[in-house]
Amino acid sequence: MLDRGEGVFLLDVREPREYEIANLGGHLIPLNDLPRRVHELDSSQETVVYCHSGMRSGQAVQFLKQLGFRKVKNLLGGIDAWADAIDPDMPRY
């Protein structure tokens, strides 16, 4: 989606210390903060949610879908899989 220039919003649900190690430039809202910060998101925008391995982002996607978000997807394998398959120079932790 990024390579095709599609307008996609990246939502990072990791902790700030993880974001400092490696990030994709996504909007950081840690999973535990998501319920009180969901107003920062646009439900009409195509959104890809990611974390380290895909588990927290899966929970976030489920939560957002319950709130009516329809254009939301989980980055399977998270930023760890991204580093493995897309950007091997990205720091891993």
PDB file of N, CA and C in Angstrom:
ATOM      1  N   MET A   1       0.830  -1.195   0.000  1.00  0.00           N
ATOM      2  CA  MET A   1       0.000   0.000   0.000  1.00  0.00           C
ATOM      3  C   MET A   1       0.872   1.255   0.000  1.00  0.00           C
ATOM      4  N   LEU A   2       1.921   1.221   0.814  1.00  0.00           N
ATOM      5  CA  LEU A   2       2.818   2.381   0.871  1.00  0.00           C
ATOM      6  C   LEU A   2       3.536   2.576  -0.455  1.00  0.00           C
ATOM      7  N   ASP A   3       4.012   1.476  -1.044  1.00  0.00           N
ATOM      8  CA  ASP A   3       4.719   1.553  -2.324  1.00  0.00           C
ATOM      9  C   ASP A   3       3.825   2.078  -3.442  1.00  0.00           C
ATOM     10  N   ARG A   4       2.534   1.770  -3.357  1.00  0.00           N
ATOM     11  CA  ARG A   4       1.589   2.223  -4.384  1.00  0.00           C
ATOM     12  C   ARG A   4       1.123   3.651  -4.138  1.00  0.00           C
ATOM     13  N   GLY A   5       1.580   4.247  -3.042  1.00  0.00           N
ATOM     14  CA  GLY A   5       1.216   5.627  -2.739  1.00  0.00           C
ATOM     15  C   GLY A   5      -0.215   5.777  -2.253  1.00  0.00           C
ATOM     16  N   GLU A   6      -0.786   4.682  -1.779  1.00  0.00           N
ATOM     17  CA  GLU A   6      -2.154   4.741  -1.281  1.00  0.00           C
ATOM     18  C   GLU A   6      -2.170   5.489   0.044  1.00  0.00           C
ATOM     19  N   GLY A   7      -3.183   6.283   0.241  1.00  0.00           N
ATOM     20  CA  GLY A   7      -3.316   7.041   1.480  1.00  0.00           C
ATOM     21  C   GLY A   7      -3.678   6.122   2.627  1.00  0.00           C
ATOM     22  N   VAL A   8      -2.689   5.716   3.374  1.00  0.00           N
ATOM     23  CA  VAL A   8      -2.917   4.819   4.492  1.00  0.00           C
ATOM     24  C   VAL A   8      -2.366   5.458   5.760  1.00  0.00           C
ATOM     25  N   PHE A   9      -3.108   5.325   6.834  1.00  0.00           N
ATOM     26  CA  PHE A   9      -2.707   5.853   8.125  1.00  0.00           C
ATOM     27  C   PHE A   9      -2.092   4.717   8.922  1.00  0.00           C
ATOM     28  N   LEU A  10      -0.860   4.908   9.393  1.00  0.00           N
ATOM     29  CA  LEU A  10      -0.182   3.898  10.192  1.00  0.00           C
ATOM     30  C   LEU A  10      -0.379   4.203  11.665  1.00  0.00           C
ATOM     31  N   LEU A  11      -0.899   3.235  12.397  1.00  0.00           N
ATOM     32  CA  LEU A  11      -1.117   3.372  13.824  1.00  0.00           C
ATOM     33  C   LEU A  11      -0.219   2.384  14.562  1.00  0.00           C
ATOM     34  N   ASP A  12       0.692   2.899  15.358  1.00  0.00           N
ATOM     35  CA  ASP A  12       1.635   2.106  16.133  1.00  0.00           C
ATOM     36  C   ASP A  12       1.102   2.005  17.560  1.00  0.00           C
ATOM     37  N   VAL A  13       0.814   0.790  18.022  1.00  0.00           N
ATOM     38  CA  VAL A  13       0.245   0.613  19.362  1.00  0.00           C
ATOM     39  C   VAL A  13       1.273   0.078  20.362  1.00  0.00           C
ATOM     40  N   ARG A  14       2.560   0.249  20.050  1.00  0.00           N
ATOM     41  CA  ARG A  14       3.616  -0.168  20.974  1.00  0.00           C
ATOM     42  C   ARG A  14       3.856   0.922  22.019  1.00  0.00           C
ATOM     43  N   GLU A  15       4.782   0.658  22.896  1.00  0.00           N
ATOM     44  CA  GLU A  15       5.156   1.608  23.934  1.00  0.00           C
ATOM     45  C   GLU A  15       6.198   2.592  23.386  1.00  0.00           C
ATOM     46  N   PRO A  16       6.283   3.792  23.957  1.00  0.00           N
ATOM     47  CA  PRO A  16       7.245   4.795  23.469  1.00  0.00           C
ATOM     48  C   PRO A  16       8.684   4.286  23.409  1.00  0.00           C
ATOM     49  N   ARG A  17       9.115   3.482  24.369  1.00  0.00           N
ATOM     50  CA  ARG A  17      10.493   2.969  24.346  1.00  0.00           C
ATOM     51  C   ARG A  17      10.717   2.059  23.141  1.00  0.00           C
ATOM     52  N   GLU A  18       9.694   1.324  22.718  1.00  0.00           N
ATOM     53  CA  GLU A  18       9.801   0.476  21.535  1.00  0.00           C
ATOM     54  C   GLU A  18       9.859   1.333  20.277  1.00  0.00           C
ATOM     55  N   TYR A  19       9.054   2.386  20.254  1.00  0.00           N
ATOM     56  CA  TYR A  19       9.012   3.300  19.116  1.00  0.00           C
ATOM     57  C   TYR A  19      10.377   3.942  18.892  1.00  0.00           C
ATOM     58  N   GLU A  20      11.085   4.230  19.992  1.00  0.00           N
ATOM     59  CA  GLU A  20      12.407   4.843  19.894  1.00  0.00           C
ATOM     60  C   GLU A  20      13.422   3.907  19.257  1.00  0.00           C
ATOM     61  N   ILE A  21      13.261   2.610  19.426  1.00  0.00           N
ATOM     62  CA  ILE A  21      14.195   1.630  18.861  1.00  0.00           C
ATOM     63  C   ILE A  21      14.022   1.535  17.350  1.00  0.00           C
ATOM     64  N   ALA A  22      12.787   1.399  16.914  1.00  0.00           N
ATOM     65  CA  ALA A  22      12.485   1.232  15.490  1.00  0.00           C
ATOM     66  C   ALA A  22      11.046   1.651  15.254  1.00  0.00           C
ATOM     67  N   ASN A  23      10.808   2.358  14.148  1.00  0.00           N
ATOM     68  CA  ASN A  23       9.427   2.725  13.833  1.00  0.00           C
ATOM     69  C   ASN A  23       9.256   2.940  12.344  1.00  0.00           C
ATOM     70  N   LEU A  24       8.020   2.935  11.936  1.00  0.00           N
ATOM     71  CA  LEU A  24       7.655   3.156  10.536  1.00  0.00           C
ATOM     72  C   LEU A  24       7.100   4.560  10.323  1.00  0.00           C
ATOM     73  N   GLY A  25       7.234   5.394  11.344  1.00  0.00           N
ATOM     74  CA  GLY A  25       6.708   6.744  11.251  1.00  0.00           C
ATOM     75  C   GLY A  25       5.225   6.832  11.522  1.00  0.00           C
ATOM     76  N   GLY A  26       4.664   5.778  12.096  1.00  0.00           N
ATOM     77  CA  GLY A  26       3.241   5.774  12.394  1.00  0.00           C
ATOM     78  C   GLY A  26       2.890   6.640  13.586  1.00  0.00           C
ATOM     79  N   HIS A  27       1.616   6.890  13.729  1.00  0.00           N
ATOM     80  CA  HIS A  27       1.080   7.665  14.851  1.00  0.00           C
ATOM     81  C   HIS A  27       1.093   6.763  16.073  1.00  0.00           C
ATOM     82  N   LEU A  28       1.788   7.158  17.115  1.00  0.00           N
ATOM     83  CA  LEU A  28       1.945   6.327  18.300  1.00  0.00           C
ATOM     84  C   LEU A  28       0.819   6.547  19.305  1.00  0.00           C
ATOM     85  N   ILE A  29       0.057   5.476  19.537  1.00  0.00           N
ATOM     86  CA  ILE A  29      -0.920   5.428  20.624  1.00  0.00           C
ATOM     87  C   ILE A  29      -0.767   4.045  21.253  1.00  0.00           C
ATOM     88  N   PRO A  30      -0.083   3.947  22.394  1.00  0.00           N
ATOM     89  CA  PRO A  30       0.061   2.640  23.037  1.00  0.00           C
ATOM     90  C   PRO A  30      -1.305   1.984  23.261  1.00  0.00           C
ATOM     91  N   LEU A  31      -1.337   0.676  23.141  1.00  0.00           N
ATOM     92  CA  LEU A  31      -2.600  -0.061  23.234  1.00  0.00           C
ATOM     93  C   LEU A  31      -3.403   0.313  24.472  1.00  0.00           C
ATOM     94  N   ASN A  32      -2.761   0.432  25.613  1.00  0.00           N
ATOM     95  CA  ASN A  32      -3.491   0.767  26.837  1.00  0.00           C
ATOM     96  C   ASN A  32      -4.095   2.166  26.813  1.00  0.00           C
ATOM     97  N   ASP A  33      -3.573   3.044  25.982  1.00  0.00           N
ATOM     98  CA  ASP A  33      -4.091   4.405  25.860  1.00  0.00           C
ATOM     99  C   ASP A  33      -5.176   4.540  24.794  1.00  0.00           C
ATOM    100  N   LEU A  34      -5.324   3.525  23.974  1.00  0.00           N
ATOM    101  CA  LEU A  34      -6.233   3.618  22.824  1.00  0.00           C
ATOM    102  C   LEU A  34      -7.668   3.978  23.203  1.00  0.00           C
ATOM    103  N   PRO A  35      -8.267   3.378  24.234  1.00  0.00           N
ATOM    104  CA  PRO A  35      -9.664   3.736  24.546  1.00  0.00           C
ATOM    105  C   PRO A  35      -9.868   5.227  24.824  1.00  0.00           C
ATOM    106  N   ARG A  36      -8.915   5.871  25.469  1.00  0.00           N
ATOM    107  CA  ARG A  36      -9.110   7.295  25.773  1.00  0.00           C
ATOM    108  C   ARG A  36      -8.567   8.215  24.680  1.00  0.00           C
ATOM    109  N   ARG A  37      -7.872   7.654  23.692  1.00  0.00           N
ATOM    110  CA  ARG A  37      -7.319   8.483  22.616  1.00  0.00           C
ATOM    111  C   ARG A  37      -7.898   8.151  21.239  1.00  0.00           C
ATOM    112  N   VAL A  38      -8.919   7.306  21.214  1.00  0.00           N
ATOM    113  CA  VAL A  38      -9.502   6.885  19.940  1.00  0.00           C
ATOM    114  C   VAL A  38     -10.023   8.079  19.140  1.00  0.00           C
ATOM    115  N   HIS A  39     -10.353   9.174  19.811  1.00  0.00           N
ATOM    116  CA  HIS A  39     -10.840  10.375  19.128  1.00  0.00           C
ATOM    117  C   HIS A  39      -9.778  10.966  18.185  1.00  0.00           C
ATOM    118  N   GLU A  40      -8.513  10.554  18.315  1.00  0.00           N
ATOM    119  CA  GLU A  40      -7.450  11.039  17.434  1.00  0.00           C
ATOM    120  C   GLU A  40      -7.482  10.360  16.065  1.00  0.00           C
ATOM    121  N   LEU A  41      -8.297   9.330  15.922  1.00  0.00           N
ATOM    122  CA  LEU A  41      -8.349   8.543  14.691  1.00  0.00           C
ATOM    123  C   LEU A  41      -9.563   8.890  13.856  1.00  0.00           C
ATOM    124  N   ASP A  42      -9.442   8.707  12.550  1.00  0.00           N
ATOM    125  CA  ASP A  42     -10.513   8.959  11.599  1.00  0.00           C
ATOM    126  C   ASP A  42     -11.025   7.617  11.089  1.00  0.00           C
ATOM    127  N   SER A  43     -12.233   7.247  11.458  1.00  0.00           N
ATOM    128  CA  SER A  43     -12.780   5.938  11.085  1.00  0.00           C
ATOM    129  C   SER A  43     -12.985   5.785   9.580  1.00  0.00           C
ATOM    130  N   SER A  44     -12.980   6.871   8.837  1.00  0.00           N
ATOM    131  CA  SER A  44     -13.163   6.776   7.384  1.00  0.00           C
ATOM    132  C   SER A  44     -11.841   6.561   6.645  1.00  0.00           C
ATOM    133  N   GLN A  45     -10.742   6.648   7.352  1.00  0.00           N
ATOM    134  CA  GLN A  45      -9.423   6.527   6.733  1.00  0.00           C
ATOM    135  C   GLN A  45      -8.926   5.080   6.788  1.00  0.00           C
ATOM    136  N   GLU A  46      -8.316   4.632   5.700  1.00  0.00           N
ATOM    137  CA  GLU A  46      -7.686   3.311   5.662  1.00  0.00           C
ATOM    138  C   GLU A  46      -6.565   3.307   6.694  1.00  0.00           C
ATOM    139  N   THR A  47      -6.622   2.380   7.647  1.00  0.00           N
ATOM    140  CA  THR A  47      -5.684   2.356   8.759  1.00  0.00           C
ATOM    141  C   THR A  47      -5.037   0.985   8.884  1.00  0.00           C
ATOM    142  N   VAL A  48      -3.716   0.977   9.009  1.00  0.00           N
ATOM    143  CA  VAL A  48      -2.973  -0.254   9.284  1.00  0.00           C
ATOM    144  C   VAL A  48      -2.370  -0.095  10.675  1.00  0.00           C
ATOM    145  N   VAL A  49      -2.687  -1.054  11.538  1.00  0.00           N
ATOM    146  CA  VAL A  49      -2.239  -1.029  12.920  1.00  0.00           C
ATOM    147  C   VAL A  49      -1.094  -2.019  13.071  1.00  0.00           C
ATOM    148  N   TYR A  50      -0.058  -1.613  13.805  1.00  0.00           N
ATOM    149  CA  TYR A  50       1.053  -2.537  14.024  1.00  0.00           C
ATOM    150  C   TYR A  50       1.630  -2.398  15.423  1.00  0.00           C
ATOM    151  N   CYS A  51       2.302  -3.473  15.834  1.00  0.00           N
ATOM    152  CA  CYS A  51       3.018  -3.514  17.110  1.00  0.00           C
ATOM    153  C   CYS A  51       4.318  -4.273  16.852  1.00  0.00           C
ATOM    154  N   HIS A  52       4.832  -4.955  17.827  1.00  0.00           N
ATOM    155  CA  HIS A  52       6.075  -5.698  17.633  1.00  0.00           C
ATOM    156  C   HIS A  52       5.854  -6.980  16.844  1.00  0.00           C
ATOM    157  N   SER A  53       4.875  -7.785  17.265  1.00  0.00           N
ATOM    158  CA  SER A  53       4.689  -9.085  16.622  1.00  0.00           C
ATOM    159  C   SER A  53       3.293  -9.313  16.038  1.00  0.00           C
ATOM    160  N   GLY A  54       2.392  -8.392  16.261  1.00  0.00           N
ATOM    161  CA  GLY A  54       1.042  -8.514  15.713  1.00  0.00           C
ATOM    162  C   GLY A  54      -0.033  -8.830  16.723  1.00  0.00           C
ATOM    163  N   MET A  55       0.349  -9.156  17.943  1.00  0.00           N
ATOM    164  CA  MET A  55      -0.669  -9.517  18.946  1.00  0.00           C
ATOM    165  C   MET A  55      -1.419  -8.294  19.481  1.00  0.00           C
ATOM    166  N   ARG A  56      -0.696  -7.280  19.917  1.00  0.00           N
ATOM    167  CA  ARG A  56      -1.362  -6.074  20.433  1.00  0.00           C
ATOM    168  C   ARG A  56      -2.129  -5.368  19.327  1.00  0.00           C
ATOM    169  N   SER A  57      -1.556  -5.334  18.132  1.00  0.00           N
ATOM    170  CA  SER A  57      -2.261  -4.668  17.033  1.00  0.00           C
ATOM    171  C   SER A  57      -3.527  -5.439  16.668  1.00  0.00           C
ATOM    172  N   GLY A  58      -3.513  -6.759  16.811  1.00  0.00           N
ATOM    173  CA  GLY A  58      -4.726  -7.548  16.592  1.00  0.00           C
ATOM    174  C   GLY A  58      -5.810  -7.178  17.586  1.00  0.00           C
ATOM    175  N   GLN A  59      -5.422  -6.966  18.835  1.00  0.00           N
ATOM    176  CA  GLN A  59      -6.383  -6.538  19.859  1.00  0.00           C
ATOM    177  C   GLN A  59      -6.915  -5.149  19.529  1.00  0.00           C
ATOM    178  N   ALA A  60      -6.028  -4.268  19.068  1.00  0.00           N
ATOM    179  CA  ALA A  60      -6.441  -2.906  18.719  1.00  0.00           C
ATOM    180  C   ALA A  60      -7.426  -2.922  17.554  1.00  0.00           C
ATOM    181  N   VAL A  61      -7.147  -3.736  16.544  1.00  0.00           N
ATOM    182  CA  VAL A  61      -8.049  -3.835  15.388  1.00  0.00           C
ATOM    183  C   VAL A  61      -9.417  -4.334  15.841  1.00  0.00           C
ATOM    184  N   GLN A  62      -9.432  -5.338  16.689  1.00  0.00           N
ATOM    185  CA  GLN A  62     -10.707  -5.869  17.193  1.00  0.00           C
ATOM    186  C   GLN A  62     -11.477  -4.780  17.947  1.00  0.00           C
ATOM    187  N   PHE A  63     -10.783  -4.035  18.801  1.00  0.00           N
ATOM    188  CA  PHE A  63     -11.399  -2.949  19.556  1.00  0.00           C
ATOM    189  C   PHE A  63     -11.971  -1.885  18.612  1.00  0.00           C
ATOM    190  N   LEU A  64     -11.178  -1.482  17.627  1.00  0.00           N
ATOM    191  CA  LEU A  64     -11.623  -0.441  16.693  1.00  0.00           C
ATOM    192  C   LEU A  64     -12.817  -0.909  15.865  1.00  0.00           C
ATOM    193  N   LYS A  65     -12.817  -2.161  15.460  1.00  0.00           N
ATOM    194  CA  LYS A  65     -13.957  -2.688  14.698  1.00  0.00           C
ATOM    195  C   LYS A  65     -15.230  -2.673  15.544  1.00  0.00           C
ATOM    196  N   GLN A  66     -15.097  -2.938  16.831  1.00  0.00           N
ATOM    197  CA  GLN A  66     -16.265  -2.886  17.723  1.00  0.00           C
ATOM    198  C   GLN A  66     -16.823  -1.469  17.814  1.00  0.00           C
ATOM    199  N   LEU A  67     -15.955  -0.477  17.590  1.00  0.00           N
ATOM    200  CA  LEU A  67     -16.390   0.920  17.622  1.00  0.00           C
ATOM    201  C   LEU A  67     -16.899   1.407  16.266  1.00  0.00           C
ATOM    202  N   GLY A  68     -16.888   0.531  15.265  1.00  0.00           N
ATOM    203  CA  GLY A  68     -17.424   0.896  13.956  1.00  0.00           C
ATOM    204  C   GLY A  68     -16.394   1.184  12.891  1.00  0.00           C
ATOM    205  N   PHE A  69     -15.115   1.053  13.206  1.00  0.00           N
ATOM    206  CA  PHE A  69     -14.081   1.240  12.188  1.00  0.00           C
ATOM    207  C   PHE A  69     -14.171   0.072  11.214  1.00  0.00           C
ATOM    208  N   ARG A  70     -14.227   0.352   9.934  1.00  0.00           N
ATOM    209  CA  ARG A  70     -14.342  -0.699   8.920  1.00  0.00           C
ATOM    210  C   ARG A  70     -13.073  -0.821   8.068  1.00  0.00           C
ATOM    211  N   LYS A  71     -12.317   0.250   7.963  1.00  0.00           N
ATOM    212  CA  LYS A  71     -11.129   0.260   7.105  1.00  0.00           C
ATOM    213  C   LYS A  71      -9.864   0.118   7.943  1.00  0.00           C
ATOM    214  N   VAL A  72      -9.828  -0.915   8.761  1.00  0.00           N
ATOM    215  CA  VAL A  72      -8.705  -1.110   9.670  1.00  0.00           C
ATOM    216  C   VAL A  72      -8.159  -2.525   9.507  1.00  0.00           C
ATOM    217  N   LYS A  73      -6.816  -2.609   9.419  1.00  0.00           N
ATOM    218  CA  LYS A  73      -6.154  -3.894   9.200  1.00  0.00           C
ATOM    219  C   LYS A  73      -4.976  -4.034  10.149  1.00  0.00           C
ATOM    220  N   ASN A  74      -4.628  -5.271  10.445  1.00  0.00           N
ATOM    221  CA  ASN A  74      -3.492  -5.596  11.285  1.00  0.00           C
ATOM    222  C   ASN A  74      -2.290  -5.918  10.400  1.00  0.00           C
ATOM    223  N   LEU A  75      -1.135  -5.352  10.721  1.00  0.00           N
ATOM    224  CA  LEU A  75       0.100  -5.714  10.031  1.00  0.00           C
ATOM    225  C   LEU A  75       0.578  -7.031  10.641  1.00  0.00           C
ATOM    226  N   LEU A  76       0.278  -8.139   9.960  1.00  0.00           N
ATOM    227  CA  LEU A  76       0.607  -9.455  10.488  1.00  0.00           C
ATOM    228  C   LEU A  76       2.104  -9.592  10.726  1.00  0.00           C
ATOM    229  N   GLY A  77       2.454 -10.069  11.899  1.00  0.00           N
ATOM    230  CA  GLY A  77       3.856 -10.232  12.257  1.00  0.00           C
ATOM    231  C   GLY A  77       4.498  -8.975  12.791  1.00  0.00           C
ATOM    232  N   GLY A  78       3.777  -7.861  12.710  1.00  0.00           N
ATOM    233  CA  GLY A  78       4.237  -6.594  13.261  1.00  0.00           C
ATOM    234  C   GLY A  78       5.513  -6.051  12.647  1.00  0.00           C
ATOM    235  N   ILE A  79       6.127  -5.135  13.374  1.00  0.00           N
ATOM    236  CA  ILE A  79       7.333  -4.478  12.886  1.00  0.00           C
ATOM    237  C   ILE A  79       8.494  -5.462  12.807  1.00  0.00           C
ATOM    238  N   ASP A  80       8.431  -6.546  13.591  1.00  0.00           N
ATOM    239  CA  ASP A  80       9.476  -7.565  13.522  1.00  0.00           C
ATOM    240  C   ASP A  80       9.455  -8.254  12.156  1.00  0.00           C
ATOM    241  N   ALA A  81       8.265  -8.605  11.671  1.00  0.00           N
ATOM    242  CA  ALA A  81       8.147  -9.219  10.349  1.00  0.00           C
ATOM    243  C   ALA A  81       8.518  -8.219   9.256  1.00  0.00           C
ATOM    244  N   TRP A  82       8.162  -6.952   9.459  1.00  0.00           N
ATOM    245  CA  TRP A  82       8.524  -5.901   8.504  1.00  0.00           C
ATOM    246  C   TRP A  82      10.050  -5.836   8.365  1.00  0.00           C
ATOM    247  N   ALA A  83      10.750  -5.820   9.508  1.00  0.00           N
ATOM    248  CA  ALA A  83      12.214  -5.765   9.484  1.00  0.00           C
ATOM    249  C   ALA A  83      12.792  -6.985   8.790  1.00  0.00           C
ATOM    250  N   ASP A  84      12.194  -8.132   8.994  1.00  0.00           N
ATOM    251  CA  ASP A  84      12.680  -9.370   8.390  1.00  0.00           C
ATOM    252  C   ASP A  84      12.455  -9.396   6.877  1.00  0.00           C
ATOM    253  N   ALA A  85      11.273  -8.992   6.437  1.00  0.00           N
ATOM    254  CA  ALA A  85      10.903  -9.134   5.028  1.00  0.00           C
ATOM    255  C   ALA A  85      11.128  -7.892   4.175  1.00  0.00           C
ATOM    256  N   ILE A  86      11.014  -6.709   4.763  1.00  0.00           N
ATOM    257  CA  ILE A  86      11.026  -5.480   3.981  1.00  0.00           C
ATOM    258  C   ILE A  86      12.282  -4.645   4.211  1.00  0.00           C
ATOM    259  N   ASP A  87      12.668  -4.463   5.468  1.00  0.00           N
ATOM    260  CA  ASP A  87      13.779  -3.562   5.794  1.00  0.00           C
ATOM    261  C   ASP A  87      14.760  -4.246   6.754  1.00  0.00           C
ATOM    262  N   PRO A  88      15.683  -5.043   6.209  1.00  0.00           N
ATOM    263  CA  PRO A  88      16.628  -5.774   7.069  1.00  0.00           C
ATOM    264  C   PRO A  88      17.588  -4.858   7.843  1.00  0.00           C
ATOM    265  N   ASP A  89      17.686  -3.579   7.482  1.00  0.00           N
ATOM    266  CA  ASP A  89      18.541  -2.649   8.209  1.00  0.00           C
ATOM    267  C   ASP A  89      17.856  -2.056   9.438  1.00  0.00           C
ATOM    268  N   MET A  90      16.567  -2.312   9.585  1.00  0.00           N
ATOM    269  CA  MET A  90      15.827  -1.790  10.726  1.00  0.00           C
ATOM    270  C   MET A  90      16.293  -2.497  12.003  1.00  0.00           C
ATOM    271  N   PRO A  91      16.530  -1.740  13.068  1.00  0.00           N
ATOM    272  CA  PRO A  91      16.911  -2.375  14.333  1.00  0.00           C
ATOM    273  C   PRO A  91      15.820  -3.330  14.810  1.00  0.00           C
ATOM    274  N   ARG A  92      16.240  -4.458  15.377  1.00  0.00           N
ATOM    275  CA  ARG A  92      15.294  -5.447  15.894  1.00  0.00           C
ATOM    276  C   ARG A  92      15.503  -5.602  17.382  1.00  0.00           C
ATOM    277  N   TYR A  93      14.456  -5.931  18.057  1.00  0.00           N
ATOM    278  CA  TYR A  93      14.538  -6.118  19.509  1.00  0.00           C
ATOM    279  C   TYR A  93      13.678  -7.270  19.952  1.00  0.00           C
TER     280      TYR A  93
END
